[in-house]
Amino acid sequence: MNYLNTCFYDKYDGHFYEYLAHVDFEFDQKIPEYGELSDKEERILDKYPNLRKVVDDREESMLSMEEIKALIEILDNRTEQDGMLKRLMFFKGYKEAYYFFNRIGLLNTERNEKRQC
């Protein structure tokens, strides 16, 4: 996949949340630890259907102590996954900045490439 064809400024201008969803999906597919946290949450929600009503459907429900412990585990997983996403997005931001600076001519990559030869 060509990097220049997938940058935010070209592909997602005006569609920031769509871009974030795409990045989240990409990380889920390509980064095992990130995907494992998603899978773990799904297994917990499959085991506790009552908890799924609370978490996914936002329905009020009484939870057992076991379900509350599972909810805490889901919240911990989401916190860990959110931290991973923020770190990855931070570095993805550098990539976007490089593309944008190059696009507006702030970086003279052609001259820099000739020096390296």
PDB file of N, CA and C in Angstrom:
ATOM      1  N   MET A   1       0.849  -1.170   0.000  1.00  0.00           N
ATOM      2  CA  MET A   1       0.000   0.000   0.000  1.00  0.00           C
ATOM      3  C   MET A   1       0.897   1.236   0.000  1.00  0.00           C
ATOM      4  N   ASN A   2       0.638   2.167  -0.872  1.00  0.00           N
ATOM      5  CA  ASN A   2       1.442   3.370  -0.994  1.00  0.00           C
ATOM      6  C   ASN A   2       1.115   4.344   0.125  1.00  0.00           C
ATOM      7  N   TYR A   3       2.121   4.704   0.884  1.00  0.00           N
ATOM      8  CA  TYR A   3       1.939   5.600   2.023  1.00  0.00           C
ATOM      9  C   TYR A   3       1.272   6.913   1.612  1.00  0.00           C
ATOM     10  N   LEU A   4       1.712   7.500   0.536  1.00  0.00           N
ATOM     11  CA  LEU A   4       1.188   8.809   0.143  1.00  0.00           C
ATOM     12  C   LEU A   4      -0.288   8.764  -0.239  1.00  0.00           C
ATOM     13  N   ASN A   5      -0.793   7.596  -0.584  1.00  0.00           N
ATOM     14  CA  ASN A   5      -2.205   7.480  -0.937  1.00  0.00           C
ATOM     15  C   ASN A   5      -3.099   7.220   0.272  1.00  0.00           C
ATOM     16  N   THR A   6      -2.512   7.044   1.440  1.00  0.00           N
ATOM     17  CA  THR A   6      -3.321   6.704   2.609  1.00  0.00           C
ATOM     18  C   THR A   6      -3.242   7.754   3.714  1.00  0.00           C
ATOM     19  N   CYS A   7      -2.694   8.916   3.435  1.00  0.00           N
ATOM     20  CA  CYS A   7      -2.569   9.936   4.466  1.00  0.00           C
ATOM     21  C   CYS A   7      -3.889  10.652   4.706  1.00  0.00           C
ATOM     22  N   PHE A   8      -4.019  11.143   5.900  1.00  0.00           N
ATOM     23  CA  PHE A   8      -5.239  11.805   6.339  1.00  0.00           C
ATOM     24  C   PHE A   8      -5.648  12.940   5.403  1.00  0.00           C
ATOM     25  N   TYR A   9      -4.712  13.773   5.015  1.00  0.00           N
ATOM     26  CA  TYR A   9      -5.034  14.968   4.231  1.00  0.00           C
ATOM     27  C   TYR A   9      -5.652  14.630   2.881  1.00  0.00           C
ATOM     28  N   ASP A  10      -5.271  13.501   2.313  1.00  0.00           N
ATOM     29  CA  ASP A  10      -5.836  13.108   1.022  1.00  0.00           C
ATOM     30  C   ASP A  10      -7.097  12.272   1.166  1.00  0.00           C
ATOM     31  N   LYS A  11      -7.082  11.335   2.092  1.00  0.00           N
ATOM     32  CA  LYS A  11      -8.143  10.343   2.141  1.00  0.00           C
ATOM     33  C   LYS A  11      -9.280  10.689   3.095  1.00  0.00           C
ATOM     34  N   TYR A  12      -8.986  11.380   4.194  1.00  0.00           N
ATOM     35  CA  TYR A  12      -9.988  11.558   5.236  1.00  0.00           C
ATOM     36  C   TYR A  12     -10.268  13.017   5.586  1.00  0.00           C
ATOM     37  N   ASP A  13      -9.862  13.942   4.764  1.00  0.00           N
ATOM     38  CA  ASP A  13     -10.096  15.347   5.058  1.00  0.00           C
ATOM     39  C   ASP A  13     -11.569  15.570   5.385  1.00  0.00           C
ATOM     40  N   GLY A  14     -11.839  16.077   6.581  1.00  0.00           N
ATOM     41  CA  GLY A  14     -13.212  16.314   7.003  1.00  0.00           C
ATOM     42  C   GLY A  14     -13.904  15.112   7.607  1.00  0.00           C
ATOM     43  N   HIS A  15     -13.207  13.998   7.726  1.00  0.00           N
ATOM     44  CA  HIS A  15     -13.801  12.759   8.250  1.00  0.00           C
ATOM     45  C   HIS A  15     -12.908  12.181   9.346  1.00  0.00           C
ATOM     46  N   PHE A  16     -12.653  12.963  10.369  1.00  0.00           N
ATOM     47  CA  PHE A  16     -11.689  12.576  11.389  1.00  0.00           C
ATOM     48  C   PHE A  16     -12.061  11.288  12.112  1.00  0.00           C
ATOM     49  N   TYR A  17     -13.329  11.148  12.493  1.00  0.00           N
ATOM     50  CA  TYR A  17     -13.725   9.947  13.241  1.00  0.00           C
ATOM     51  C   TYR A  17     -13.677   8.700  12.367  1.00  0.00           C
ATOM     52  N   GLU A  18     -13.931   8.848  11.100  1.00  0.00           N
ATOM     53  CA  GLU A  18     -13.782   7.726  10.171  1.00  0.00           C
ATOM     54  C   GLU A  18     -12.317   7.306  10.112  1.00  0.00           C
ATOM     55  N   TYR A  19     -11.439   8.276  10.081  1.00  0.00           N
ATOM     56  CA  TYR A  19     -10.007   8.006  10.068  1.00  0.00           C
ATOM     57  C   TYR A  19      -9.587   7.251  11.329  1.00  0.00           C
ATOM     58  N   LEU A  20     -10.047   7.727  12.502  1.00  0.00           N
ATOM     59  CA  LEU A  20      -9.701   7.067  13.760  1.00  0.00           C
ATOM     60  C   LEU A  20     -10.214   5.635  13.792  1.00  0.00           C
ATOM     61  N   ALA A  21     -11.423   5.416  13.291  1.00  0.00           N
ATOM     62  CA  ALA A  21     -11.982   4.061  13.250  1.00  0.00           C
ATOM     63  C   ALA A  21     -11.142   3.163  12.350  1.00  0.00           C
ATOM     64  N   HIS A  22     -10.691   3.702  11.231  1.00  0.00           N
ATOM     65  CA  HIS A  22      -9.843   2.940  10.313  1.00  0.00           C
ATOM     66  C   HIS A  22      -8.526   2.567  10.994  1.00  0.00           C
ATOM     67  N   VAL A  23      -7.921   3.522  11.687  1.00  0.00           N
ATOM     68  CA  VAL A  23      -6.655   3.272  12.375  1.00  0.00           C
ATOM     69  C   VAL A  23      -6.846   2.240  13.478  1.00  0.00           C
ATOM     70  N   ASP A  24      -7.929   2.366  14.234  1.00  0.00           N
ATOM     71  CA  ASP A  24      -8.231   1.402  15.295  1.00  0.00           C
ATOM     72  C   ASP A  24      -8.355  -0.007  14.720  1.00  0.00           C
ATOM     73  N   PHE A  25      -9.056  -0.140  13.600  1.00  0.00           N
ATOM     74  CA  PHE A  25      -9.214  -1.438  12.946  1.00  0.00           C
ATOM     75  C   PHE A  25      -7.854  -1.962  12.455  1.00  0.00           C
ATOM     76  N   GLU A  26      -7.057  -1.071  11.880  1.00  0.00           N
ATOM     77  CA  GLU A  26      -5.735  -1.456  11.383  1.00  0.00           C
ATOM     78  C   GLU A  26      -4.859  -1.980  12.526  1.00  0.00           C
ATOM     79  N   PHE A  27      -4.856  -1.292  13.655  1.00  0.00           N
ATOM     80  CA  PHE A  27      -4.073  -1.723  14.807  1.00  0.00           C
ATOM     81  C   PHE A  27      -4.581  -3.059  15.322  1.00  0.00           C
ATOM     82  N   ASP A  28      -5.897  -3.213  15.349  1.00  0.00           N
ATOM     83  CA  ASP A  28      -6.506  -4.452  15.828  1.00  0.00           C
ATOM     84  C   ASP A  28      -6.048  -5.642  14.977  1.00  0.00           C
ATOM     85  N   GLN A  29      -5.875  -5.418  13.677  1.00  0.00           N
ATOM     86  CA  GLN A  29      -5.481  -6.487  12.765  1.00  0.00           C
ATOM     87  C   GLN A  29      -3.972  -6.747  12.769  1.00  0.00           C
ATOM     88  N   LYS A  30      -3.167  -5.695  12.933  1.00  0.00           N
ATOM     89  CA  LYS A  30      -1.728  -5.817  12.737  1.00  0.00           C
ATOM     90  C   LYS A  30      -0.906  -5.929  14.014  1.00  0.00           C
ATOM     91  N   ILE A  31      -1.485  -5.560  15.146  1.00  0.00           N
ATOM     92  CA  ILE A  31      -0.727  -5.572  16.395  1.00  0.00           C
ATOM     93  C   ILE A  31      -1.344  -6.617  17.313  1.00  0.00           C
ATOM     94  N   PRO A  32      -0.669  -7.744  17.494  1.00  0.00           N
ATOM     95  CA  PRO A  32      -1.253  -8.865  18.237  1.00  0.00           C
ATOM     96  C   PRO A  32      -1.760  -8.497  19.635  1.00  0.00           C
ATOM     97  N   GLU A  33      -0.981  -7.719  20.389  1.00  0.00           N
ATOM     98  CA  GLU A  33      -1.386  -7.377  21.756  1.00  0.00           C
ATOM     99  C   GLU A  33      -2.683  -6.566  21.759  1.00  0.00           C
ATOM    100  N   TYR A  34      -2.826  -5.678  20.798  1.00  0.00           N
ATOM    101  CA  TYR A  34      -4.019  -4.838  20.702  1.00  0.00           C
ATOM    102  C   TYR A  34      -5.236  -5.698  20.364  1.00  0.00           C
ATOM    103  N   GLY A  35      -5.067  -6.573  19.398  1.00  0.00           N
ATOM    104  CA  GLY A  35      -6.147  -7.473  19.005  1.00  0.00           C
ATOM    105  C   GLY A  35      -6.519  -8.456  20.102  1.00  0.00           C
ATOM    106  N   GLU A  36      -5.512  -8.918  20.860  1.00  0.00           N
ATOM    107  CA  GLU A  36      -5.773  -9.857  21.959  1.00  0.00           C
ATOM    108  C   GLU A  36      -6.663  -9.226  23.028  1.00  0.00           C
ATOM    109  N   LEU A  37      -6.472  -7.941  23.284  1.00  0.00           N
ATOM    110  CA  LEU A  37      -7.316  -7.259  24.271  1.00  0.00           C
ATOM    111  C   LEU A  37      -8.765  -7.190  23.781  1.00  0.00           C
ATOM    112  N   SER A  38      -8.956  -6.948  22.492  1.00  0.00           N
ATOM    113  CA  SER A  38     -10.315  -6.940  21.924  1.00  0.00           C
ATOM    114  C   SER A  38     -10.949  -8.323  22.027  1.00  0.00           C
ATOM    115  N   ASP A  39     -10.167  -9.341  21.710  1.00  0.00           N
ATOM    116  CA  ASP A  39     -10.673 -10.719  21.783  1.00  0.00           C
ATOM    117  C   ASP A  39     -11.023 -11.101  23.218  1.00  0.00           C
ATOM    118  N   LYS A  40     -10.191 -10.690  24.156  1.00  0.00           N
ATOM    119  CA  LYS A  40     -10.430 -10.994  25.562  1.00  0.00           C
ATOM    120  C   LYS A  40     -11.736 -10.352  26.030  1.00  0.00           C
ATOM    121  N   GLU A  41     -11.967  -9.115  25.627  1.00  0.00           N
ATOM    122  CA  GLU A  41     -13.219  -8.448  25.990  1.00  0.00           C
ATOM    123  C   GLU A  41     -14.419  -9.186  25.409  1.00  0.00           C
ATOM    124  N   GLU A  42     -14.316  -9.623  24.170  1.00  0.00           N
ATOM    125  CA  GLU A  42     -15.432 -10.358  23.553  1.00  0.00           C
ATOM    126  C   GLU A  42     -15.718 -11.657  24.285  1.00  0.00           C
ATOM    127  N   ARG A  43     -14.665 -12.360  24.707  1.00  0.00           N
ATOM    128  CA  ARG A  43     -14.858 -13.605  25.456  1.00  0.00           C
ATOM    129  C   ARG A  43     -15.566 -13.338  26.787  1.00  0.00           C
ATOM    130  N   ILE A  44     -15.190 -12.260  27.443  1.00  0.00           N
ATOM    131  CA  ILE A  44     -15.839 -11.910  28.717  1.00  0.00           C
ATOM    132  C   ILE A  44     -17.305 -11.586  28.481  1.00  0.00           C
ATOM    133  N   LEU A  45     -17.587 -10.802  27.456  1.00  0.00           N
ATOM    134  CA  LEU A  45     -18.974 -10.420  27.177  1.00  0.00           C
ATOM    135  C   LEU A  45     -19.809 -11.611  26.724  1.00  0.00           C
ATOM    136  N   ASP A  46     -19.183 -12.556  26.033  1.00  0.00           N
ATOM    137  CA  ASP A  46     -19.907 -13.780  25.657  1.00  0.00           C
ATOM    138  C   ASP A  46     -20.244 -14.616  26.898  1.00  0.00           C
ATOM    139  N   LYS A  47     -19.334 -14.612  27.862  1.00  0.00           N
ATOM    140  CA  LYS A  47     -19.543 -15.391  29.077  1.00  0.00           C
ATOM    141  C   LYS A  47     -20.620 -14.767  29.973  1.00  0.00           C
ATOM    142  N   TYR A  48     -20.746 -13.434  29.916  1.00  0.00           N
ATOM    143  CA  TYR A  48     -21.693 -12.724  30.779  1.00  0.00           C
ATOM    144  C   TYR A  48     -22.658 -11.881  29.930  1.00  0.00           C
ATOM    145  N   PRO A  49     -23.707 -12.490  29.410  1.00  0.00           N
ATOM    146  CA  PRO A  49     -24.668 -11.762  28.567  1.00  0.00           C
ATOM    147  C   PRO A  49     -25.300 -10.554  29.267  1.00  0.00           C
ATOM    148  N   ASN A  50     -25.513 -10.669  30.554  1.00  0.00           N
ATOM    149  CA  ASN A  50     -26.077  -9.563  31.315  1.00  0.00           C
ATOM    150  C   ASN A  50     -25.126  -8.353  31.292  1.00  0.00           C
ATOM    151  N   LEU A  51     -23.845  -8.635  31.352  1.00  0.00           N
ATOM    152  CA  LEU A  51     -22.829  -7.589  31.296  1.00  0.00           C
ATOM    153  C   LEU A  51     -22.799  -6.931  29.918  1.00  0.00           C
ATOM    154  N   ARG A  52     -23.018  -7.739  28.875  1.00  0.00           N
ATOM    155  CA  ARG A  52     -23.059  -7.188  27.516  1.00  0.00           C
ATOM    156  C   ARG A  52     -24.185  -6.165  27.381  1.00  0.00           C
ATOM    157  N   LYS A  53     -25.315  -6.428  28.039  1.00  0.00           N
ATOM    158  CA  LYS A  53     -26.427  -5.469  27.990  1.00  0.00           C
ATOM    159  C   LYS A  53     -25.998  -4.119  28.558  1.00  0.00           C
ATOM    160  N   VAL A  54     -25.212  -4.159  29.617  1.00  0.00           N
ATOM    161  CA  VAL A  54     -24.744  -2.927  30.247  1.00  0.00           C
ATOM    162  C   VAL A  54     -23.697  -2.235  29.370  1.00  0.00           C
ATOM    163  N   VAL A  55     -22.704  -2.997  28.943  1.00  0.00           N
ATOM    164  CA  VAL A  55     -21.567  -2.425  28.227  1.00  0.00           C
ATOM    165  C   VAL A  55     -21.925  -2.006  26.799  1.00  0.00           C
ATOM    166  N   ASP A  56     -22.551  -2.879  26.058  1.00  0.00           N
ATOM    167  CA  ASP A  56     -22.845  -2.596  24.645  1.00  0.00           C
ATOM    168  C   ASP A  56     -24.149  -1.839  24.442  1.00  0.00           C
ATOM    169  N   ASP A  57     -25.196  -2.254  25.153  1.00  0.00           N
ATOM    170  CA  ASP A  57     -26.522  -1.687  24.916  1.00  0.00           C
ATOM    171  C   ASP A  57     -26.859  -0.533  25.852  1.00  0.00           C
ATOM    172  N   ARG A  58     -26.010  -0.320  26.845  1.00  0.00           N
ATOM    173  CA  ARG A  58     -26.229   0.758  27.828  1.00  0.00           C
ATOM    174  C   ARG A  58     -27.556   0.612  28.567  1.00  0.00           C
ATOM    175  N   GLU A  59     -27.913  -0.631  28.861  1.00  0.00           N
ATOM    176  CA  GLU A  59     -29.122  -0.915  29.617  1.00  0.00           C
ATOM    177  C   GLU A  59     -28.758  -1.078  31.093  1.00  0.00           C
ATOM    178  N   GLU A  60     -29.594  -0.538  31.946  1.00  0.00           N
ATOM    179  CA  GLU A  60     -29.395  -0.711  33.386  1.00  0.00           C
ATOM    180  C   GLU A  60     -29.699  -2.154  33.754  1.00  0.00           C
ATOM    181  N   SER A  61     -28.875  -2.682  34.660  1.00  0.00           N
ATOM    182  CA  SER A  61     -29.071  -4.060  35.076  1.00  0.00           C
ATOM    183  C   SER A  61     -28.326  -4.291  36.385  1.00  0.00           C
ATOM    184  N   MET A  62     -28.875  -5.152  37.210  1.00  0.00           N
ATOM    185  CA  MET A  62     -28.180  -5.564  38.429  1.00  0.00           C
ATOM    186  C   MET A  62     -27.088  -6.557  38.010  1.00  0.00           C
ATOM    187  N   LEU A  63     -25.918  -6.372  38.581  1.00  0.00           N
ATOM    188  CA  LEU A  63     -24.801  -7.260  38.271  1.00  0.00           C
ATOM    189  C   LEU A  63     -24.388  -8.026  39.514  1.00  0.00           C
ATOM    190  N   SER A  64     -23.999  -9.261  39.296  1.00  0.00           N
ATOM    191  CA  SER A  64     -23.457 -10.071  40.396  1.00  0.00           C
ATOM    192  C   SER A  64     -22.021  -9.618  40.671  1.00  0.00           C
ATOM    193  N   MET A  65     -21.476 -10.075  41.767  1.00  0.00           N
ATOM    194  CA  MET A  65     -20.083  -9.745  42.096  1.00  0.00           C
ATOM    195  C   MET A  65     -19.135 -10.261  41.006  1.00  0.00           C
ATOM    196  N   GLU A  66     -19.423 -11.436  40.481  1.00  0.00           N
ATOM    197  CA  GLU A  66     -18.609 -12.008  39.408  1.00  0.00           C
ATOM    198  C   GLU A  66     -18.672 -11.124  38.157  1.00  0.00           C
ATOM    199  N   GLU A  67     -19.853 -10.630  37.835  1.00  0.00           N
ATOM    200  CA  GLU A  67     -20.009  -9.748  36.677  1.00  0.00           C
ATOM    201  C   GLU A  67     -19.316  -8.405  36.901  1.00  0.00           C
ATOM    202  N   ILE A  68     -19.355  -7.919  38.123  1.00  0.00           N
ATOM    203  CA  ILE A  68     -18.661  -6.664  38.444  1.00  0.00           C
ATOM    204  C   ILE A  68     -17.151  -6.838  38.290  1.00  0.00           C
ATOM    205  N   LYS A  69     -16.625  -7.976  38.729  1.00  0.00           N
ATOM    206  CA  LYS A  69     -15.196  -8.258  38.546  1.00  0.00           C
ATOM    207  C   LYS A  69     -14.857  -8.320  37.057  1.00  0.00           C
ATOM    208  N   ALA A  70     -15.740  -8.914  36.261  1.00  0.00           N
ATOM    209  CA  ALA A  70     -15.529  -8.988  34.809  1.00  0.00           C
ATOM    210  C   ALA A  70     -15.588  -7.586  34.204  1.00  0.00           C
ATOM    211  N   LEU A  71     -16.487  -6.745  34.691  1.00  0.00           N
ATOM    212  CA  LEU A  71     -16.583  -5.364  34.211  1.00  0.00           C
ATOM    213  C   LEU A  71     -15.292  -4.604  34.510  1.00  0.00           C
ATOM    214  N   ILE A  72     -14.751  -4.804  35.695  1.00  0.00           N
ATOM    215  CA  ILE A  72     -13.478  -4.166  36.049  1.00  0.00           C
ATOM    216  C   ILE A  72     -12.375  -4.632  35.109  1.00  0.00           C
ATOM    217  N   GLU A  73     -12.381  -5.913  34.785  1.00  0.00           N
ATOM    218  CA  GLU A  73     -11.379  -6.447  33.842  1.00  0.00           C
ATOM    219  C   GLU A  73     -11.545  -5.806  32.461  1.00  0.00           C
ATOM    220  N   ILE A  74     -12.780  -5.638  32.031  1.00  0.00           N
ATOM    221  CA  ILE A  74     -13.032  -4.973  30.741  1.00  0.00           C
ATOM    222  C   ILE A  74     -12.518  -3.537  30.783  1.00  0.00           C
ATOM    223  N   LEU A  75     -12.802  -2.825  31.863  1.00  0.00           N
ATOM    224  CA  LEU A  75     -12.341  -1.436  31.987  1.00  0.00           C
ATOM    225  C   LEU A  75     -10.821  -1.359  32.000  1.00  0.00           C
ATOM    226  N   ASP A  76     -10.170  -2.296  32.693  1.00  0.00           N
ATOM    227  CA  ASP A  76      -8.705  -2.343  32.691  1.00  0.00           C
ATOM    228  C   ASP A  76      -8.165  -2.616  31.288  1.00  0.00           C
ATOM    229  N   ASN A  77      -8.791  -3.560  30.581  1.00  0.00           N
ATOM    230  CA  ASN A  77      -8.369  -3.860  29.205  1.00  0.00           C
ATOM    231  C   ASN A  77      -8.531  -2.641  28.307  1.00  0.00           C
ATOM    232  N   ARG A  78      -9.651  -1.951  28.452  1.00  0.00           N
ATOM    233  CA  ARG A  78      -9.899  -0.766  27.631  1.00  0.00           C
ATOM    234  C   ARG A  78      -8.894   0.337  27.933  1.00  0.00           C
ATOM    235  N   THR A  79      -8.524   0.477  29.202  1.00  0.00           N
ATOM    236  CA  THR A  79      -7.515   1.474  29.574  1.00  0.00           C
ATOM    237  C   THR A  79      -6.176   1.134  28.928  1.00  0.00           C
ATOM    238  N   GLU A  80      -5.802  -0.137  28.988  1.00  0.00           N
ATOM    239  CA  GLU A  80      -4.551  -0.582  28.369  1.00  0.00           C
ATOM    240  C   GLU A  80      -4.598  -0.384  26.855  1.00  0.00           C
ATOM    241  N   GLN A  81      -5.713  -0.757  26.247  1.00  0.00           N
ATOM    242  CA  GLN A  81      -5.860  -0.607  24.800  1.00  0.00           C
ATOM    243  C   GLN A  81      -5.851   0.868  24.407  1.00  0.00           C
ATOM    244  N   ASP A  82      -6.487   1.699  25.201  1.00  0.00           N
ATOM    245  CA  ASP A  82      -6.504   3.141  24.923  1.00  0.00           C
ATOM    246  C   ASP A  82      -5.096   3.722  24.999  1.00  0.00           C
ATOM    247  N   GLY A  83      -4.313   3.282  25.983  1.00  0.00           N
ATOM    248  CA  GLY A  83      -2.925   3.733  26.081  1.00  0.00           C
ATOM    249  C   GLY A  83      -2.114   3.326  24.871  1.00  0.00           C
ATOM    250  N   MET A  84      -2.313   2.092  24.425  1.00  0.00           N
ATOM    251  CA  MET A  84      -1.619   1.619  23.223  1.00  0.00           C
ATOM    252  C   MET A  84      -2.025   2.455  22.022  1.00  0.00           C
ATOM    253  N   LEU A  85      -3.315   2.706  21.888  1.00  0.00           N
ATOM    254  CA  LEU A  85      -3.825   3.488  20.758  1.00  0.00           C
ATOM    255  C   LEU A  85      -3.238   4.895  20.770  1.00  0.00           C
ATOM    256  N   LYS A  86      -3.171   5.508  21.929  1.00  0.00           N
ATOM    257  CA  LYS A  86      -2.609   6.866  22.016  1.00  0.00           C
ATOM    258  C   LYS A  86      -1.138   6.883  21.628  1.00  0.00           C
ATOM    259  N   ARG A  87      -0.376   5.891  22.101  1.00  0.00           N
ATOM    260  CA  ARG A  87       1.045   5.834  21.720  1.00  0.00           C
ATOM    261  C   ARG A  87       1.201   5.640  20.217  1.00  0.00           C
ATOM    262  N   LEU A  88       0.414   4.727  19.651  1.00  0.00           N
ATOM    263  CA  LEU A  88       0.506   4.460  18.223  1.00  0.00           C
ATOM    264  C   LEU A  88       0.054   5.668  17.402  1.00  0.00           C
ATOM    265  N   MET A  89      -0.990   6.336  17.852  1.00  0.00           N
ATOM    266  CA  MET A  89      -1.474   7.528  17.155  1.00  0.00           C
ATOM    267  C   MET A  89      -0.448   8.659  17.229  1.00  0.00           C
ATOM    268  N   PHE A  90       0.270   8.749  18.343  1.00  0.00           N
ATOM    269  CA  PHE A  90       1.316   9.749  18.488  1.00  0.00           C
ATOM    270  C   PHE A  90       2.350   9.598  17.374  1.00  0.00           C
ATOM    271  N   PHE A  91       2.815   8.370  17.169  1.00  0.00           N
ATOM    272  CA  PHE A  91       3.806   8.138  16.123  1.00  0.00           C
ATOM    273  C   PHE A  91       3.192   8.248  14.731  1.00  0.00           C
ATOM    274  N   LYS A  92       1.951   7.857  14.589  1.00  0.00           N
ATOM    275  CA  LYS A  92       1.275   8.027  13.308  1.00  0.00           C
ATOM    276  C   LYS A  92       1.163   9.517  12.987  1.00  0.00           C
ATOM    277  N   GLY A  93       1.011  10.351  14.012  1.00  0.00           N
ATOM    278  CA  GLY A  93       0.970  11.802  13.823  1.00  0.00           C
ATOM    279  C   GLY A  93       2.266  12.338  13.237  1.00  0.00           C
ATOM    280  N   TYR A  94       3.386  11.778  13.687  1.00  0.00           N
ATOM    281  CA  TYR A  94       4.664  12.181  13.096  1.00  0.00           C
ATOM    282  C   TYR A  94       4.702  11.852  11.611  1.00  0.00           C
ATOM    283  N   LYS A  95       4.190  10.699  11.257  1.00  0.00           N
ATOM    284  CA  LYS A  95       4.159  10.293   9.852  1.00  0.00           C
ATOM    285  C   LYS A  95       3.309  11.273   9.044  1.00  0.00           C
ATOM    286  N   GLU A  96       2.155  11.654   9.599  1.00  0.00           N
ATOM    287  CA  GLU A  96       1.273  12.601   8.919  1.00  0.00           C
ATOM    288  C   GLU A  96       1.937  13.964   8.798  1.00  0.00           C
ATOM    289  N   ALA A  97       2.641  14.398   9.854  1.00  0.00           N
ATOM    290  CA  ALA A  97       3.330  15.693   9.809  1.00  0.00           C
ATOM    291  C   ALA A  97       4.411  15.682   8.731  1.00  0.00           C
ATOM    292  N   TYR A  98       5.172  14.585   8.658  1.00  0.00           N
ATOM    293  CA  TYR A  98       6.197  14.474   7.621  1.00  0.00           C
ATOM    294  C   TYR A  98       5.571  14.590   6.240  1.00  0.00           C
ATOM    295  N   TYR A  99       4.477  13.870   6.013  1.00  0.00           N
ATOM    296  CA  TYR A  99       3.802  13.920   4.725  1.00  0.00           C
ATOM    297  C   TYR A  99       3.341  15.339   4.423  1.00  0.00           C
ATOM    298  N   PHE A 100       2.699  15.978   5.399  1.00  0.00           N
ATOM    299  CA  PHE A 100       2.167  17.320   5.186  1.00  0.00           C
ATOM    300  C   PHE A 100       3.288  18.320   4.924  1.00  0.00           C
ATOM    301  N   PHE A 101       4.363  18.300   5.715  1.00  0.00           N
ATOM    302  CA  PHE A 101       5.480  19.224   5.517  1.00  0.00           C
ATOM    303  C   PHE A 101       6.135  19.003   4.164  1.00  0.00           C
ATOM    304  N   ASN A 102       6.238  17.746   3.753  1.00  0.00           N
ATOM    305  CA  ASN A 102       6.805  17.442   2.443  1.00  0.00           C
ATOM    306  C   ASN A 102       5.891  17.970   1.337  1.00  0.00           C
ATOM    307  N   ARG A 103       4.588  17.795   1.537  1.00  0.00           N
ATOM    308  CA  ARG A 103       3.602  18.227   0.538  1.00  0.00           C
ATOM    309  C   ARG A 103       3.601  19.741   0.328  1.00  0.00           C
ATOM    310  N   ILE A 104       3.795  20.516   1.397  1.00  0.00           N
ATOM    311  CA  ILE A 104       3.785  21.973   1.256  1.00  0.00           C
ATOM    312  C   ILE A 104       5.167  22.535   0.934  1.00  0.00           C
ATOM    313  N   GLY A 105       6.143  21.659   0.755  1.00  0.00           N
ATOM    314  CA  GLY A 105       7.468  22.078   0.336  1.00  0.00           C
ATOM    315  C   GLY A 105       8.373  22.514   1.466  1.00  0.00           C
ATOM    316  N   LEU A 106       7.973  22.282   2.691  1.00  0.00           N
ATOM    317  CA  LEU A 106       8.792  22.659   3.834  1.00  0.00           C
ATOM    318  C   LEU A 106      10.031  21.783   3.928  1.00  0.00           C
ATOM    319  N   LEU A 107       9.914  20.533   3.490  1.00  0.00           N
ATOM    320  CA  LEU A 107      11.047  19.614   3.463  1.00  0.00           C
ATOM    321  C   LEU A 107      11.514  19.486   2.020  1.00  0.00           C
ATOM    322  N   ASN A 108      12.794  19.518   1.839  1.00  0.00           N
ATOM    323  CA  ASN A 108      13.314  19.341   0.497  1.00  0.00           C
ATOM    324  C   ASN A 108      13.890  17.937   0.412  1.00  0.00           C
ATOM    325  N   THR A 109      13.005  16.957   0.283  1.00  0.00           N
ATOM    326  CA  THR A 109      13.441  15.562   0.327  1.00  0.00           C
ATOM    327  C   THR A 109      14.292  15.185  -0.875  1.00  0.00           C
ATOM    328  N   GLU A 110      14.034  15.803  -1.998  1.00  0.00           N
ATOM    329  CA  GLU A 110      14.822  15.480  -3.199  1.00  0.00           C
ATOM    330  C   GLU A 110      16.278  15.842  -2.959  1.00  0.00           C
ATOM    331  N   ARG A 111      16.538  17.033  -2.410  1.00  0.00           N
ATOM    332  CA  ARG A 111      17.906  17.464  -2.124  1.00  0.00           C
ATOM    333  C   ARG A 111      18.530  16.547  -1.075  1.00  0.00           C
ATOM    334  N   ASN A 112      17.774  16.181  -0.034  1.00  0.00           N
ATOM    335  CA  ASN A 112      18.295  15.301   1.010  1.00  0.00           C
ATOM    336  C   ASN A 112      18.626  13.919   0.462  1.00  0.00           C
ATOM    337  N   GLU A 113      17.821  13.420  -0.467  1.00  0.00           N
ATOM    338  CA  GLU A 113      18.068  12.103  -1.065  1.00  0.00           C
ATOM    339  C   GLU A 113      19.354  12.125  -1.893  1.00  0.00           C
ATOM    340  N   LYS A 114      19.635  13.235  -2.603  1.00  0.00           N
ATOM    341  CA  LYS A 114      20.852  13.321  -3.422  1.00  0.00           C
ATOM    342  C   LYS A 114      22.105  13.334  -2.548  1.00  0.00           C
ATOM    343  N   ARG A 115      22.020  13.974  -1.360  1.00  0.00           N
ATOM    344  CA  ARG A 115      23.160  14.010  -0.460  1.00  0.00           C
ATOM    345  C   ARG A 115      23.517  12.632   0.068  1.00  0.00           C
ATOM    346  N   GLN A 116      22.533  11.786   0.252  1.00  0.00           N
ATOM    347  CA  GLN A 116      22.783  10.472   0.805  1.00  0.00           C
ATOM    348  C   GLN A 116      23.443   9.529  -0.188  1.00  0.00           C
ATOM    349  N   CYS A 117      23.348   9.813  -1.455  1.00  0.00           N
ATOM    350  CA  CYS A 117      23.912   8.911  -2.478  1.00  0.00           C
ATOM    351  C   CYS A 117      25.402   8.970  -2.550  1.00  0.00           C
TER     352      CYS A 117
END
